[in-house]
Amino acid sequence: MATAKDIIEGQIPEKLQAKPELAKDINAIIHFDVSGDGGGKWTLDTTKSEGWVSEGLNGASKMTVTVSNDDFVKIREGKLNPQMAAMQGKLKFKPMDMGLAMKLAKLLA
């Protein structure tokens, strides 16, 4: 089973390399704070042209995404609806920026 680390450090950069327009569309620094086994803290910086993901919470983020590893993997695999997860408090965005969250959803889909 994939972990948040696999998704954030492997799958997200692969998708951004294949579709650089996604990075241009998001154009923000986003922190991921993932709890549980396989979790951790990462920074996604789509303002850069490469090297988008780094470990730790680096720089001033436009939004922080807080989620458990299990729920993050379920969202990525399409087993958990991100909107339902957000309504149930399993997926949190601070501050809540609906436009940015929707752009991020395209990257994670």
Protein backbone atom coordinates (compact mmCIF):
# COMPACT_ATOMS: atom_id res chain seq x y z
CA MET A 1 0.00 0.00 0.00
CA ALA A 2 1.23 3.46 -0.88
CA THR A 3 1.96 5.98 1.86
CA ALA A 4 1.68 9.77 1.91
CA LYS A 5 5.48 9.83 1.48
CA ASP A 6 5.22 7.76 -1.76
CA ILE A 7 2.47 10.03 -3.08
CA ILE A 8 4.02 13.38 -2.12
CA GLU A 9 7.65 12.57 -2.93
CA GLY A 10 7.03 10.29 -5.93
CA GLN A 11 3.64 10.57 -7.59
CA ILE A 12 3.11 14.34 -7.26
CA PRO A 13 6.49 15.31 -8.84
CA GLU A 14 5.90 12.75 -11.63
CA LYS A 15 2.50 14.29 -12.38
CA LEU A 16 3.93 17.85 -12.30
CA GLN A 17 6.69 16.81 -14.69
CA ALA A 18 4.13 15.29 -17.06
CA LYS A 19 1.74 18.25 -16.70
CA PRO A 20 3.72 21.42 -15.85
CA GLU A 21 0.59 23.51 -16.44
CA LEU A 22 -0.76 22.14 -13.10
CA ALA A 23 2.14 23.79 -11.24
CA LYS A 24 1.52 27.09 -13.06
CA ASP A 25 -2.19 26.84 -12.22
CA ILE A 26 -1.59 26.24 -8.48
CA ASN A 27 1.37 28.68 -8.26
CA ALA A 28 1.62 28.55 -4.44
CA ILE A 29 3.54 27.05 -1.55
CA ILE A 30 1.46 24.42 0.23
CA HIS A 31 2.41 22.58 3.42
CA PHE A 32 1.30 18.99 4.04
CA ASP A 33 1.06 17.84 7.65
CA VAL A 34 0.25 14.13 7.51
CA SER A 35 -0.24 12.18 10.75
CA GLY A 36 0.14 8.45 11.45
CA ASP A 37 2.41 5.73 10.03
CA GLY A 38 3.81 6.79 6.65
CA GLY A 39 3.04 10.42 7.43
CA GLY A 40 5.32 13.40 7.86
CA LYS A 41 5.64 17.04 6.92
CA TRP A 42 6.33 18.27 3.41
CA THR A 43 6.36 21.46 1.40
CA LEU A 44 4.99 21.60 -2.15
CA ASP A 45 6.32 24.69 -3.93
CA THR A 46 4.66 25.07 -7.32
CA THR A 47 6.14 28.56 -7.81
CA LYS A 48 9.36 26.82 -8.96
CA SER A 49 9.95 25.13 -12.31
CA GLU A 50 11.33 21.93 -10.69
CA GLY A 51 12.25 20.46 -7.29
CA TRP A 52 8.70 21.07 -6.10
CA VAL A 53 8.67 18.82 -3.03
CA SER A 54 10.88 19.10 0.04
CA GLU A 55 10.72 17.48 3.46
CA GLY A 56 9.69 19.70 6.33
CA LEU A 57 7.57 22.84 6.40
CA ASN A 58 9.67 25.34 4.43
CA GLY A 59 8.84 28.92 3.51
CA ALA A 60 5.63 30.86 4.00
CA SER A 61 2.77 28.69 2.79
CA LYS A 62 -0.44 29.91 1.25
CA MET A 63 -2.24 26.91 2.77
CA THR A 64 -1.57 23.97 5.09
CA VAL A 65 -3.27 20.63 4.43
CA THR A 66 -3.73 18.45 7.52
CA VAL A 67 -4.82 14.83 7.07
CA SER A 68 -3.98 11.31 8.30
CA ASN A 69 -1.82 9.05 6.14
CA ASP A 70 -4.69 6.53 5.78
CA ASP A 71 -7.21 9.15 4.67
CA PHE A 72 -4.70 10.81 2.30
CA VAL A 73 -4.01 7.45 0.60
CA LYS A 74 -7.77 6.70 0.38
CA ILE A 75 -8.36 10.12 -1.23
CA ARG A 76 -5.54 9.52 -3.73
CA GLU A 77 -6.89 6.05 -4.58
CA GLY A 78 -10.41 7.40 -5.05
CA LYS A 79 -11.79 5.45 -2.06
CA LEU A 80 -12.60 8.60 -0.05
CA ASN A 81 -14.31 11.66 -1.51
CA PRO A 82 -12.18 14.73 -0.62
CA GLN A 83 -15.27 16.91 -0.10
CA MET A 84 -16.78 14.36 2.30
CA ALA A 85 -13.42 14.04 4.09
CA ALA A 86 -13.30 17.83 4.51
CA MET A 87 -16.89 17.95 5.81
CA GLN A 88 -16.13 15.16 8.28
CA GLY A 89 -13.02 16.99 9.52
CA LYS A 90 -10.67 14.30 8.18
CA LEU A 91 -9.14 16.72 5.68
CA LYS A 92 -8.38 20.27 6.83
CA PHE A 93 -7.18 23.34 4.95
CA LYS A 94 -5.80 26.37 6.82
CA PRO A 95 -6.64 28.98 5.79
CA MET A 96 -9.54 27.62 3.75
CA ASP A 97 -8.98 28.76 0.16
CA MET A 98 -11.59 26.95 -1.92
CA GLY A 99 -10.01 28.01 -5.23
CA LEU A 100 -6.59 26.72 -4.22
CA ALA A 101 -8.09 23.53 -2.74
CA MET A 102 -9.86 22.82 -6.05
CA LYS A 103 -6.61 23.33 -8.01
CA LEU A 104 -4.83 21.01 -5.59
CA ALA A 105 -7.58 18.41 -6.09
CA LYS A 106 -6.71 18.31 -9.82
CA LEU A 107 -3.13 17.46 -8.92
CA LEU A 108 -4.15 14.71 -6.50
CA ALA A 109 -6.82 13.19 -8.76
